[in-house]
Amino acid sequence: MLTKTFPPGLVDAVIDEAQARELRKRSLPARLTTYFTLAMWLWREQGYEEVLRQLIDGLVRGRAGRGGCGLVRVDHQDPCPAGG
């Protein structure tokens, strides 16, 4: 749902415009942190752990249905083309 409403390319453009791109590769890259923040708003009645579980569950399902294009890959390589 999040990637359909806010495609990775759009999220990346906003991150770049805000000059909020991470300088080093982190466990939670800027793109994933952005989606996590949006997810916390959507599931605001849930705790952080439940929101993260739902987000990761969506990532796994999204990858399976989109040929590997999710929010972020474990090896930090961009899984999506610039257009999202």
C-alpha atoms as a PDB file:
ATOM      1  CA  MET A   1       0.000   0.000   0.000  1.00  0.00           C
ATOM      2  CA  LEU A   2       2.723   2.489   0.931  1.00  0.00           C
ATOM      3  CA  THR A   3       4.812   1.914  -2.193  1.00  0.00           C
ATOM      4  CA  LYS A   4       1.755   2.325  -4.424  1.00  0.00           C
ATOM      5  CA  THR A   5       0.864   5.631  -2.796  1.00  0.00           C
ATOM      6  CA  PHE A   6       4.473   6.777  -2.309  1.00  0.00           C
ATOM      7  CA  PRO A   7       6.627   5.062  -4.975  1.00  0.00           C
ATOM      8  CA  PRO A   8      10.322   4.556  -4.063  1.00  0.00           C
ATOM      9  CA  GLY A   9      11.397   7.040  -6.739  1.00  0.00           C
ATOM     10  CA  LEU A  10       9.213   9.764  -5.204  1.00  0.00           C
ATOM     11  CA  VAL A  11      10.431   8.985  -1.683  1.00  0.00           C
ATOM     12  CA  ASP A  12      14.047   9.101  -2.889  1.00  0.00           C
ATOM     13  CA  ALA A  13      13.459  12.461  -4.619  1.00  0.00           C
ATOM     14  CA  VAL A  14      11.991  13.946  -1.430  1.00  0.00           C
ATOM     15  CA  ILE A  15      14.862  12.566   0.660  1.00  0.00           C
ATOM     16  CA  ASP A  16      17.379  14.056  -1.773  1.00  0.00           C
ATOM     17  CA  GLU A  17      15.598  17.419  -1.897  1.00  0.00           C
ATOM     18  CA  ALA A  18      15.594  17.549   1.908  1.00  0.00           C
ATOM     19  CA  GLN A  19      19.283  16.593   1.837  1.00  0.00           C
ATOM     20  CA  ALA A  20      18.470  13.778   4.252  1.00  0.00           C
ATOM     21  CA  ARG A  21      20.224  10.937   2.403  1.00  0.00           C
ATOM     22  CA  GLU A  22      22.406   8.826   4.677  1.00  0.00           C
ATOM     23  CA  LEU A  23      26.147   9.270   4.186  1.00  0.00           C
ATOM     24  CA  ARG A  24      26.976   5.712   5.229  1.00  0.00           C
ATOM     25  CA  LYS A  25      24.992   2.544   4.737  1.00  0.00           C
ATOM     26  CA  ARG A  26      22.883   1.953   7.842  1.00  0.00           C
ATOM     27  CA  SER A  27      20.543  -0.731   9.127  1.00  0.00           C
ATOM     28  CA  LEU A  28      17.660   1.672   8.496  1.00  0.00           C
ATOM     29  CA  PRO A  29      18.377   3.591   5.285  1.00  0.00           C
ATOM     30  CA  ALA A  30      16.552   6.873   4.663  1.00  0.00           C
ATOM     31  CA  ARG A  31      13.968   5.231   2.372  1.00  0.00           C
ATOM     32  CA  LEU A  32      13.040   2.575   4.936  1.00  0.00           C
ATOM     33  CA  THR A  33      12.972   5.158   7.740  1.00  0.00           C
ATOM     34  CA  THR A  34      10.559   7.259   5.676  1.00  0.00           C
ATOM     35  CA  TYR A  35       8.241   4.303   5.089  1.00  0.00           C
ATOM     36  CA  PHE A  36       8.498   3.360   8.790  1.00  0.00           C
ATOM     37  CA  THR A  37       7.444   6.900   9.765  1.00  0.00           C
ATOM     38  CA  LEU A  38       4.479   6.753   7.382  1.00  0.00           C
ATOM     39  CA  ALA A  39       3.542   3.304   8.696  1.00  0.00           C
ATOM     40  CA  MET A  40       3.662   4.547  12.307  1.00  0.00           C
ATOM     41  CA  TRP A  41       1.094   7.161  11.324  1.00  0.00           C
ATOM     42  CA  LEU A  42      -1.127   4.598   9.581  1.00  0.00           C
ATOM     43  CA  TRP A  43      -1.003   2.143  12.479  1.00  0.00           C
ATOM     44  CA  ARG A  44      -0.735   4.757  15.221  1.00  0.00           C
ATOM     45  CA  GLU A  45      -2.664   2.607  17.702  1.00  0.00           C
ATOM     46  CA  GLN A  46       0.064  -0.074  17.449  1.00  0.00           C
ATOM     47  CA  GLY A  47       3.477  -0.061  19.107  1.00  0.00           C
ATOM     48  CA  TYR A  48       6.739   0.405  17.198  1.00  0.00           C
ATOM     49  CA  GLU A  49       7.441  -3.322  17.093  1.00  0.00           C
ATOM     50  CA  GLU A  50       4.030  -4.173  15.626  1.00  0.00           C
ATOM     51  CA  VAL A  51       4.328  -1.403  13.032  1.00  0.00           C
ATOM     52  CA  LEU A  52       7.779  -2.653  12.022  1.00  0.00           C
ATOM     53  CA  ARG A  53       6.439  -6.217  11.818  1.00  0.00           C
ATOM     54  CA  GLN A  54       3.623  -5.098   9.516  1.00  0.00           C
ATOM     55  CA  LEU A  55       6.040  -3.067   7.406  1.00  0.00           C
ATOM     56  CA  ILE A  56       8.449  -5.991   7.045  1.00  0.00           C
ATOM     57  CA  ASP A  57       5.564  -8.344   6.291  1.00  0.00           C
ATOM     58  CA  GLY A  58       4.511  -5.962   3.500  1.00  0.00           C
ATOM     59  CA  LEU A  59       8.092  -5.868   2.245  1.00  0.00           C
ATOM     60  CA  VAL A  60       8.258  -9.636   1.996  1.00  0.00           C
ATOM     61  CA  ARG A  61       4.902  -9.861   0.226  1.00  0.00           C
ATOM     62  CA  GLY A  62       5.834  -6.932  -2.045  1.00  0.00           C
ATOM     63  CA  ARG A  63       9.079  -8.561  -3.115  1.00  0.00           C
ATOM     64  CA  ALA A  64       7.386 -11.831  -3.920  1.00  0.00           C
ATOM     65  CA  GLY A  65       4.788 -10.108  -6.081  1.00  0.00           C
ATOM     66  CA  ARG A  66       7.061  -7.540  -7.766  1.00  0.00           C
ATOM     67  CA  GLY A  67      10.082  -9.541  -8.809  1.00  0.00           C
ATOM     68  CA  GLY A  68      12.313  -8.447  -5.955  1.00  0.00           C
ATOM     69  CA  CYS A  69      11.517  -4.728  -5.954  1.00  0.00           C
ATOM     70  CA  GLY A  70      10.865  -3.801  -2.325  1.00  0.00           C
ATOM     71  CA  LEU A  71      11.696  -0.868  -0.100  1.00  0.00           C
ATOM     72  CA  VAL A  72      15.275  -1.890   0.589  1.00  0.00           C
ATOM     73  CA  ARG A  73      17.486  -4.938   0.250  1.00  0.00           C
ATOM     74  CA  VAL A  74      19.596  -6.377   3.033  1.00  0.00           C
ATOM     75  CA  ASP A  75      22.778  -5.745   1.009  1.00  0.00           C
ATOM     76  CA  HIS A  76      21.726  -2.073   0.637  1.00  0.00           C
ATOM     77  CA  GLN A  77      21.658  -2.214  -3.160  1.00  0.00           C
ATOM     78  CA  ASP A  78      18.748  -0.260  -4.603  1.00  0.00           C
ATOM     79  CA  PRO A  79      16.127  -2.869  -5.549  1.00  0.00           C
ATOM     80  CA  CYS A  80      14.114  -0.474  -7.698  1.00  0.00           C
ATOM     81  CA  PRO A  81      14.948   1.627 -10.719  1.00  0.00           C
ATOM     82  CA  ALA A  82      14.989   5.394 -10.156  1.00  0.00           C
ATOM     83  CA  GLY A  83      11.417   5.697 -11.413  1.00  0.00           C
ATOM     84  CA  GLY A  84      10.209   3.345  -8.673  1.00  0.00           C
END
